[in-house]
Each structure stands twice: as C-alpha cells, then as structure tokens.
Amino acid sequence: MADKTNKVPETIPGPYYVDEECIACELCVDAAPGNFMMTDDGTHAYVYKQPENDEEIAASDDAMTSCPVDAIGKDG
C-alpha cells in the first residue's frame, strides 16, 4: 500500500500520488500517460497532472492497480 507520507517530491498536489517505493517500471506511464510521467533521470514516476475527467480517473485507477510494488496511492 502506498504511503502518503512518503510521496515523491515531483508529484503535484491532489488525490493521486506516487511514493518512494516506485521501481521505475513505467507501467503507470503506459496506463495513464496523461497523468503519470518518469523523472528526467528515469529513477521513478510521478503524477504530473491530476485526473480531470472519468477517462483519466479510470486510467489512473488502472495505473494504481497495475503497480507491482503498490507505489501509487489515492486519497479521497
């Protein structure tokens, strides 16, 4: 389970977040490219845009459930 007290610093404020357990597998970026991206150095993913519609919410939820290390969380 993702830890909201351990969010990566690049994640913008909002309900979805990535924590420091991210292993940079890029599954979230593949599932929700409109909301997740990799850092420039490729060490981890982060939420660069919070979902704004049902399609983005569904894609972000898919990214969260696909994460092999449960590094994606959702508050609210």
PDB file of N, CA and C in Angstrom:
ATOM      1  N   MET A   1       0.839  -1.190   0.000  1.00  0.00           N
ATOM      2  CA  MET A   1       0.000   0.000   0.000  1.00  0.00           C
ATOM      3  C   MET A   1       0.881   1.250   0.000  1.00  0.00           C
ATOM      4  N   ALA A   2       0.563   2.189  -0.866  1.00  0.00           N
ATOM      5  CA  ALA A   2       1.329   3.429  -0.959  1.00  0.00           C
ATOM      6  C   ALA A   2       1.234   4.232   0.331  1.00  0.00           C
ATOM      7  N   ASP A   3       2.309   4.949   0.612  1.00  0.00           N
ATOM      8  CA  ASP A   3       2.399   5.732   1.847  1.00  0.00           C
ATOM      9  C   ASP A   3       2.348   7.218   1.512  1.00  0.00           C
ATOM     10  N   LYS A   4       1.245   7.876   1.882  1.00  0.00           N
ATOM     11  CA  LYS A   4       1.086   9.296   1.555  1.00  0.00           C
ATOM     12  C   LYS A   4       2.090  10.188   2.265  1.00  0.00           C
ATOM     13  N   THR A   5       2.749   9.683   3.297  1.00  0.00           N
ATOM     14  CA  THR A   5       3.772  10.473   3.979  1.00  0.00           C
ATOM     15  C   THR A   5       5.136  10.327   3.313  1.00  0.00           C
ATOM     16  N   ASN A   6       5.200   9.509   2.260  1.00  0.00           N
ATOM     17  CA  ASN A   6       6.469   9.227   1.586  1.00  0.00           C
ATOM     18  C   ASN A   6       6.366   9.507   0.084  1.00  0.00           C
ATOM     19  N   LYS A   7       5.598  10.529  -0.288  1.00  0.00           N
ATOM     20  CA  LYS A   7       5.394  10.871  -1.695  1.00  0.00           C
ATOM     21  C   LYS A   7       6.692  11.362  -2.334  1.00  0.00           C
ATOM     22  N   VAL A   8       6.846  11.044  -3.635  1.00  0.00           N
ATOM     23  CA  VAL A   8       7.985  11.613  -4.356  1.00  0.00           C
ATOM     24  C   VAL A   8       7.732  13.112  -4.511  1.00  0.00           C
ATOM     25  N   PRO A   9       8.774  13.914  -4.456  1.00  0.00           N
ATOM     26  CA  PRO A   9       8.575  15.378  -4.441  1.00  0.00           C
ATOM     27  C   PRO A   9       7.989  15.950  -5.722  1.00  0.00           C
ATOM     28  N   GLU A  10       8.134  15.268  -6.845  1.00  0.00           N
ATOM     29  CA  GLU A  10       7.633  15.799  -8.116  1.00  0.00           C
ATOM     30  C   GLU A  10       6.118  15.717  -8.251  1.00  0.00           C
ATOM     31  N   THR A  11       5.486  14.832  -7.503  1.00  0.00           N
ATOM     32  CA  THR A  11       4.042  14.650  -7.609  1.00  0.00           C
ATOM     33  C   THR A  11       3.317  15.936  -7.226  1.00  0.00           C
ATOM     34  N   ILE A  12       2.409  16.375  -8.107  1.00  0.00           N
ATOM     35  CA  ILE A  12       1.655  17.593  -7.821  1.00  0.00           C
ATOM     36  C   ILE A  12       0.560  17.290  -6.806  1.00  0.00           C
ATOM     37  N   PRO A  13       0.110  18.291  -6.071  1.00  0.00           N
ATOM     38  CA  PRO A  13      -0.940  18.081  -5.071  1.00  0.00           C
ATOM     39  C   PRO A  13      -2.236  17.557  -5.689  1.00  0.00           C
ATOM     40  N   GLY A  14      -2.895  16.704  -4.953  1.00  0.00           N
ATOM     41  CA  GLY A  14      -4.155  16.128  -5.397  1.00  0.00           C
ATOM     42  C   GLY A  14      -4.309  14.727  -4.855  1.00  0.00           C
ATOM     43  N   PRO A  15      -5.382  14.052  -5.244  1.00  0.00           N
ATOM     44  CA  PRO A  15      -5.662  12.745  -4.654  1.00  0.00           C
ATOM     45  C   PRO A  15      -4.683  11.633  -5.054  1.00  0.00           C
ATOM     46  N   TYR A  16      -4.174  11.644  -6.259  1.00  0.00           N
ATOM     47  CA  TYR A  16      -3.267  10.584  -6.699  1.00  0.00           C
ATOM     48  C   TYR A  16      -1.825  10.977  -6.420  1.00  0.00           C
ATOM     49  N   TYR A  17      -1.024   9.982  -6.058  1.00  0.00           N
ATOM     50  CA  TYR A  17       0.386  10.249  -5.780  1.00  0.00           C
ATOM     51  C   TYR A  17       1.221   8.987  -6.002  1.00  0.00           C
ATOM     52  N   VAL A  18       2.518   9.175  -6.124  1.00  0.00           N
ATOM     53  CA  VAL A  18       3.489   8.083  -6.200  1.00  0.00           C
ATOM     54  C   VAL A  18       4.393   8.232  -4.994  1.00  0.00           C
ATOM     55  N   ASP A  19       4.710   7.112  -4.346  1.00  0.00           N
ATOM     56  CA  ASP A  19       5.612   7.196  -3.198  1.00  0.00           C
ATOM     57  C   ASP A  19       7.013   6.686  -3.558  1.00  0.00           C
ATOM     58  N   GLU A  20       7.907   6.764  -2.598  1.00  0.00           N
ATOM     59  CA  GLU A  20       9.320   6.450  -2.814  1.00  0.00           C
ATOM     60  C   GLU A  20       9.599   4.973  -3.120  1.00  0.00           C
ATOM     61  N   GLU A  21       8.589   4.115  -3.036  1.00  0.00           N
ATOM     62  CA  GLU A  21       8.777   2.693  -3.341  1.00  0.00           C
ATOM     63  C   GLU A  21       8.796   2.420  -4.846  1.00  0.00           C
ATOM     64  N   CYS A  22       8.526   3.424  -5.664  1.00  0.00           N
ATOM     65  CA  CYS A  22       8.484   3.264  -7.119  1.00  0.00           C
ATOM     66  C   CYS A  22       9.786   2.641  -7.636  1.00  0.00           C
ATOM     67  N   ILE A  23       9.639   1.637  -8.520  1.00  0.00           N
ATOM     68  CA  ILE A  23      10.803   0.954  -9.096  1.00  0.00           C
ATOM     69  C   ILE A  23      11.037   1.336 -10.555  1.00  0.00           C
ATOM     70  N   ALA A  24      10.362   2.354 -11.032  1.00  0.00           N
ATOM     71  CA  ALA A  24      10.542   2.884 -12.391  1.00  0.00           C
ATOM     72  C   ALA A  24      10.213   1.861 -13.470  1.00  0.00           C
ATOM     73  N   CYS A  25       9.187   1.056 -13.260  1.00  0.00           N
ATOM     74  CA  CYS A  25       8.807   0.043 -14.249  1.00  0.00           C
ATOM     75  C   CYS A  25       8.046   0.644 -15.434  1.00  0.00           C
ATOM     76  N   GLU A  26       7.514   1.840 -15.279  1.00  0.00           N
ATOM     77  CA  GLU A  26       6.800   2.594 -16.303  1.00  0.00           C
ATOM     78  C   GLU A  26       5.400   2.075 -16.627  1.00  0.00           C
ATOM     79  N   LEU A  27       4.886   1.121 -15.858  1.00  0.00           N
ATOM     80  CA  LEU A  27       3.528   0.635 -16.119  1.00  0.00           C
ATOM     81  C   LEU A  27       2.494   1.735 -15.968  1.00  0.00           C
ATOM     82  N   CYS A  28       2.670   2.614 -14.989  1.00  0.00           N
ATOM     83  CA  CYS A  28       1.708   3.702 -14.798  1.00  0.00           C
ATOM     84  C   CYS A  28       1.753   4.694 -15.959  1.00  0.00           C
ATOM     85  N   VAL A  29       2.930   4.932 -16.470  1.00  0.00           N
ATOM     86  CA  VAL A  29       3.074   5.842 -17.611  1.00  0.00           C
ATOM     87  C   VAL A  29       2.388   5.251 -18.839  1.00  0.00           C
ATOM     88  N   ASP A  30       2.508   3.941 -19.000  1.00  0.00           N
ATOM     89  CA  ASP A  30       1.830   3.268 -20.117  1.00  0.00           C
ATOM     90  C   ASP A  30       0.313   3.285 -19.938  1.00  0.00           C
ATOM     91  N   ALA A  31      -0.154   3.086 -18.705  1.00  0.00           N
ATOM     92  CA  ALA A  31      -1.590   3.019 -18.434  1.00  0.00           C
ATOM     93  C   ALA A  31      -2.260   4.391 -18.467  1.00  0.00           C
ATOM     94  N   ALA A  32      -1.569   5.400 -17.964  1.00  0.00           N
ATOM     95  CA  ALA A  32      -2.157   6.750 -17.863  1.00  0.00           C
ATOM     96  C   ALA A  32      -1.127   7.809 -18.242  1.00  0.00           C
ATOM     97  N   PRO A  33      -0.747   7.851 -19.518  1.00  0.00           N
ATOM     98  CA  PRO A  33       0.285   8.809 -19.939  1.00  0.00           C
ATOM     99  C   PRO A  33      -0.124  10.270 -19.797  1.00  0.00           C
ATOM    100  N   GLY A  34      -1.407  10.529 -19.679  1.00  0.00           N
ATOM    101  CA  GLY A  34      -1.876  11.893 -19.486  1.00  0.00           C
ATOM    102  C   GLY A  34      -1.736  12.386 -18.059  1.00  0.00           C
ATOM    103  N   ASN A  35      -1.330  11.471 -17.153  1.00  0.00           N
ATOM    104  CA  ASN A  35      -1.256  11.842 -15.744  1.00  0.00           C
ATOM    105  C   ASN A  35       0.063  11.470 -15.065  1.00  0.00           C
ATOM    106  N   PHE A  36       0.727  10.432 -15.566  1.00  0.00           N
ATOM    107  CA  PHE A  36       1.986   9.979 -14.972  1.00  0.00           C
ATOM    108  C   PHE A  36       3.122  10.151 -15.963  1.00  0.00           C
ATOM    109  N   MET A  37       4.297  10.469 -15.461  1.00  0.00           N
ATOM    110  CA  MET A  37       5.496  10.512 -16.300  1.00  0.00           C
ATOM    111  C   MET A  37       6.703  10.130 -15.453  1.00  0.00           C
ATOM    112  N   MET A  38       7.786   9.827 -16.145  1.00  0.00           N
ATOM    113  CA  MET A  38       9.030   9.471 -15.475  1.00  0.00           C
ATOM    114  C   MET A  38       9.852  10.728 -15.241  1.00  0.00           C
ATOM    115  N   THR A  39      10.670  10.703 -14.208  1.00  0.00           N
ATOM    116  CA  THR A  39      11.592  11.810 -13.967  1.00  0.00           C
ATOM    117  C   THR A  39      12.623  11.838 -15.085  1.00  0.00           C
ATOM    118  N   ASP A  40      13.287  12.959 -15.263  1.00  0.00           N
ATOM    119  CA  ASP A  40      14.298  13.084 -16.311  1.00  0.00           C
ATOM    120  C   ASP A  40      15.412  12.052 -16.168  1.00  0.00           C
ATOM    121  N   ASP A  41      15.750  11.704 -14.934  1.00  0.00           N
ATOM    122  CA  ASP A  41      16.809  10.715 -14.734  1.00  0.00           C
ATOM    123  C   ASP A  41      16.294   9.276 -14.750  1.00  0.00           C
ATOM    124  N   GLY A  42      14.969   9.102 -14.906  1.00  0.00           N
ATOM    125  CA  GLY A  42      14.386   7.780 -15.033  1.00  0.00           C
ATOM    126  C   GLY A  42      14.349   6.942 -13.774  1.00  0.00           C
ATOM    127  N   THR A  43      14.512   7.582 -12.605  1.00  0.00           N
ATOM    128  CA  THR A  43      14.566   6.814 -11.364  1.00  0.00           C
ATOM    129  C   THR A  43      13.197   6.470 -10.792  1.00  0.00           C
ATOM    130  N   HIS A  44      12.169   7.236 -11.141  1.00  0.00           N
ATOM    131  CA  HIS A  44      10.826   6.952 -10.649  1.00  0.00           C
ATOM    132  C   HIS A  44       9.784   7.746 -11.440  1.00  0.00           C
ATOM    133  N   ALA A  45       8.548   7.316 -11.291  1.00  0.00           N
ATOM    134  CA  ALA A  45       7.427   8.008 -11.910  1.00  0.00           C
ATOM    135  C   ALA A  45       6.837   9.008 -10.921  1.00  0.00           C
ATOM    136  N   TYR A  46       5.996   9.878 -11.440  1.00  0.00           N
ATOM    137  CA  TYR A  46       5.273  10.823 -10.586  1.00  0.00           C
ATOM    138  C   TYR A  46       4.003  11.275 -11.298  1.00  0.00           C
ATOM    139  N   VAL A  47       3.088  11.846 -10.530  1.00  0.00           N
ATOM    140  CA  VAL A  47       1.860  12.397 -11.095  1.00  0.00           C
ATOM    141  C   VAL A  47       2.157  13.839 -11.494  1.00  0.00           C
ATOM    142  N   TYR A  48       2.107  14.106 -12.799  1.00  0.00           N
ATOM    143  CA  TYR A  48       2.373  15.470 -13.256  1.00  0.00           C
ATOM    144  C   TYR A  48       1.081  16.235 -13.520  1.00  0.00           C
ATOM    145  N   LYS A  49      -0.041  15.495 -13.601  1.00  0.00           N
ATOM    146  CA  LYS A  49      -1.350  16.126 -13.805  1.00  0.00           C
ATOM    147  C   LYS A  49      -2.389  15.239 -13.144  1.00  0.00           C
ATOM    148  N   GLN A  50      -3.162  15.804 -12.242  1.00  0.00           N
ATOM    149  CA  GLN A  50      -4.223  15.047 -11.591  1.00  0.00           C
ATOM    150  C   GLN A  50      -5.357  14.799 -12.602  1.00  0.00           C
ATOM    151  N   PRO A  51      -6.011  13.634 -12.524  1.00  0.00           N
ATOM    152  CA  PRO A  51      -7.109  13.337 -13.447  1.00  0.00           C
ATOM    153  C   PRO A  51      -8.226  14.372 -13.356  1.00  0.00           C
ATOM    154  N   GLU A  52      -8.770  14.731 -14.528  1.00  0.00           N
ATOM    155  CA  GLU A  52      -9.804  15.766 -14.580  1.00  0.00           C
ATOM    156  C   GLU A  52     -11.126  15.272 -15.147  1.00  0.00           C
ATOM    157  N   ASN A  53     -11.181  14.025 -15.610  1.00  0.00           N
ATOM    158  CA  ASN A  53     -12.431  13.508 -16.164  1.00  0.00           C
ATOM    159  C   ASN A  53     -12.504  12.000 -15.914  1.00  0.00           C
ATOM    160  N   ASP A  54     -13.624  11.409 -16.256  1.00  0.00           N
ATOM    161  CA  ASP A  54     -13.830   9.984 -15.981  1.00  0.00           C
ATOM    162  C   ASP A  54     -12.794   9.097 -16.666  1.00  0.00           C
ATOM    163  N   GLU A  55     -12.420   9.457 -17.878  1.00  0.00           N
ATOM    164  CA  GLU A  55     -11.427   8.668 -18.614  1.00  0.00           C
ATOM    165  C   GLU A  55     -10.066   8.695 -17.918  1.00  0.00           C
ATOM    166  N   GLU A  56      -9.644   9.867 -17.484  1.00  0.00           N
ATOM    167  CA  GLU A  56      -8.362   9.989 -16.787  1.00  0.00           C
ATOM    168  C   GLU A  56      -8.408   9.318 -15.412  1.00  0.00           C
ATOM    169  N   ILE A  57      -9.541   9.395 -14.741  1.00  0.00           N
ATOM    170  CA  ILE A  57      -9.688   8.724 -13.447  1.00  0.00           C
ATOM    171  C   ILE A  57      -9.583   7.212 -13.639  1.00  0.00           C
ATOM    172  N   ALA A  58     -10.266   6.684 -14.656  1.00  0.00           N
ATOM    173  CA  ALA A  58     -10.208   5.246 -14.925  1.00  0.00           C
ATOM    174  C   ALA A  58      -8.786   4.810 -15.266  1.00  0.00           C
ATOM    175  N   ALA A  59      -8.087   5.597 -16.075  1.00  0.00           N
ATOM    176  CA  ALA A  59      -6.713   5.263 -16.445  1.00  0.00           C
ATOM    177  C   ALA A  59      -5.792   5.330 -15.229  1.00  0.00           C
ATOM    178  N   SER A  60      -5.983   6.323 -14.372  1.00  0.00           N
ATOM    179  CA  SER A  60      -5.153   6.453 -13.167  1.00  0.00           C
ATOM    180  C   SER A  60      -5.446   5.328 -12.175  1.00  0.00           C
ATOM    181  N   ASP A  61      -6.708   4.934 -12.066  1.00  0.00           N
ATOM    182  CA  ASP A  61      -7.055   3.799 -11.214  1.00  0.00           C
ATOM    183  C   ASP A  61      -6.419   2.517 -11.753  1.00  0.00           C
ATOM    184  N   ASP A  62      -6.412   2.368 -13.076  1.00  0.00           N
ATOM    185  CA  ASP A  62      -5.765   1.206 -13.698  1.00  0.00           C
ATOM    186  C   ASP A  62      -4.271   1.216 -13.400  1.00  0.00           C
ATOM    187  N   ALA A  63      -3.663   2.388 -13.497  1.00  0.00           N
ATOM    188  CA  ALA A  63      -2.231   2.504 -13.178  1.00  0.00           C
ATOM    189  C   ALA A  63      -1.979   2.096 -11.730  1.00  0.00           C
ATOM    190  N   MET A  64      -2.851   2.533 -10.834  1.00  0.00           N
ATOM    191  CA  MET A  64      -2.694   2.225  -9.417  1.00  0.00           C
ATOM    192  C   MET A  64      -2.790   0.723  -9.172  1.00  0.00           C
ATOM    193  N   THR A  65      -3.769   0.064  -9.777  1.00  0.00           N
ATOM    194  CA  THR A  65      -3.926  -1.371  -9.552  1.00  0.00           C
ATOM    195  C   THR A  65      -2.869  -2.192 -10.279  1.00  0.00           C
ATOM    196  N   SER A  66      -2.255  -1.617 -11.318  1.00  0.00           N
ATOM    197  CA  SER A  66      -1.210  -2.321 -12.072  1.00  0.00           C
ATOM    198  C   SER A  66       0.158  -2.241 -11.415  1.00  0.00           C
ATOM    199  N   CYS A  67       0.353  -1.298 -10.528  1.00  0.00           N
ATOM    200  CA  CYS A  67       1.669  -1.076  -9.934  1.00  0.00           C
ATOM    201  C   CYS A  67       2.129  -2.323  -9.173  1.00  0.00           C
ATOM    202  N   PRO A  68       3.274  -2.900  -9.573  1.00  0.00           N
ATOM    203  CA  PRO A  68       3.728  -4.143  -8.939  1.00  0.00           C
ATOM    204  C   PRO A  68       4.223  -3.985  -7.505  1.00  0.00           C
ATOM    205  N   VAL A  69       4.510  -2.760  -7.100  1.00  0.00           N
ATOM    206  CA  VAL A  69       5.018  -2.533  -5.732  1.00  0.00           C
ATOM    207  C   VAL A  69       4.083  -1.635  -4.917  1.00  0.00           C
ATOM    208  N   ASP A  70       2.867  -1.419  -5.414  1.00  0.00           N
ATOM    209  CA  ASP A  70       1.869  -0.591  -4.715  1.00  0.00           C
ATOM    210  C   ASP A  70       2.413   0.782  -4.323  1.00  0.00           C
ATOM    211  N   ALA A  71       3.099   1.413  -5.264  1.00  0.00           N
ATOM    212  CA  ALA A  71       3.683   2.732  -5.007  1.00  0.00           C
ATOM    213  C   ALA A  71       2.751   3.880  -5.378  1.00  0.00           C
ATOM    214  N   ILE A  72       1.575   3.573  -5.909  1.00  0.00           N
ATOM    215  CA  ILE A  72       0.609   4.605  -6.289  1.00  0.00           C
ATOM    216  C   ILE A  72      -0.539   4.576  -5.300  1.00  0.00           C
ATOM    217  N   GLY A  73      -0.888   5.765  -4.808  1.00  0.00           N
ATOM    218  CA  GLY A  73      -1.988   5.872  -3.868  1.00  0.00           C
ATOM    219  C   GLY A  73      -3.002   6.900  -4.308  1.00  0.00           C
ATOM    220  N   LYS A  74      -4.135   6.885  -3.619  1.00  0.00           N
ATOM    221  CA  LYS A  74      -5.218   7.831  -3.910  1.00  0.00           C
ATOM    222  C   LYS A  74      -5.878   8.205  -2.589  1.00  0.00           C
ATOM    223  N   ASP A  75      -5.882   9.465  -2.289  1.00  0.00           N
ATOM    224  CA  ASP A  75      -6.551  10.000  -1.098  1.00  0.00           C
ATOM    225  C   ASP A  75      -7.864  10.615  -1.514  1.00  0.00           C
ATOM    226  N   GLY A  76      -8.949  10.073  -1.004  1.00  0.00           N
ATOM    227  CA  GLY A  76     -10.244  10.673  -1.295  1.00  0.00           C
ATOM    228  C   GLY A  76     -10.953  10.057  -2.451  1.00  0.00           C
TER     229      GLY A  76
END
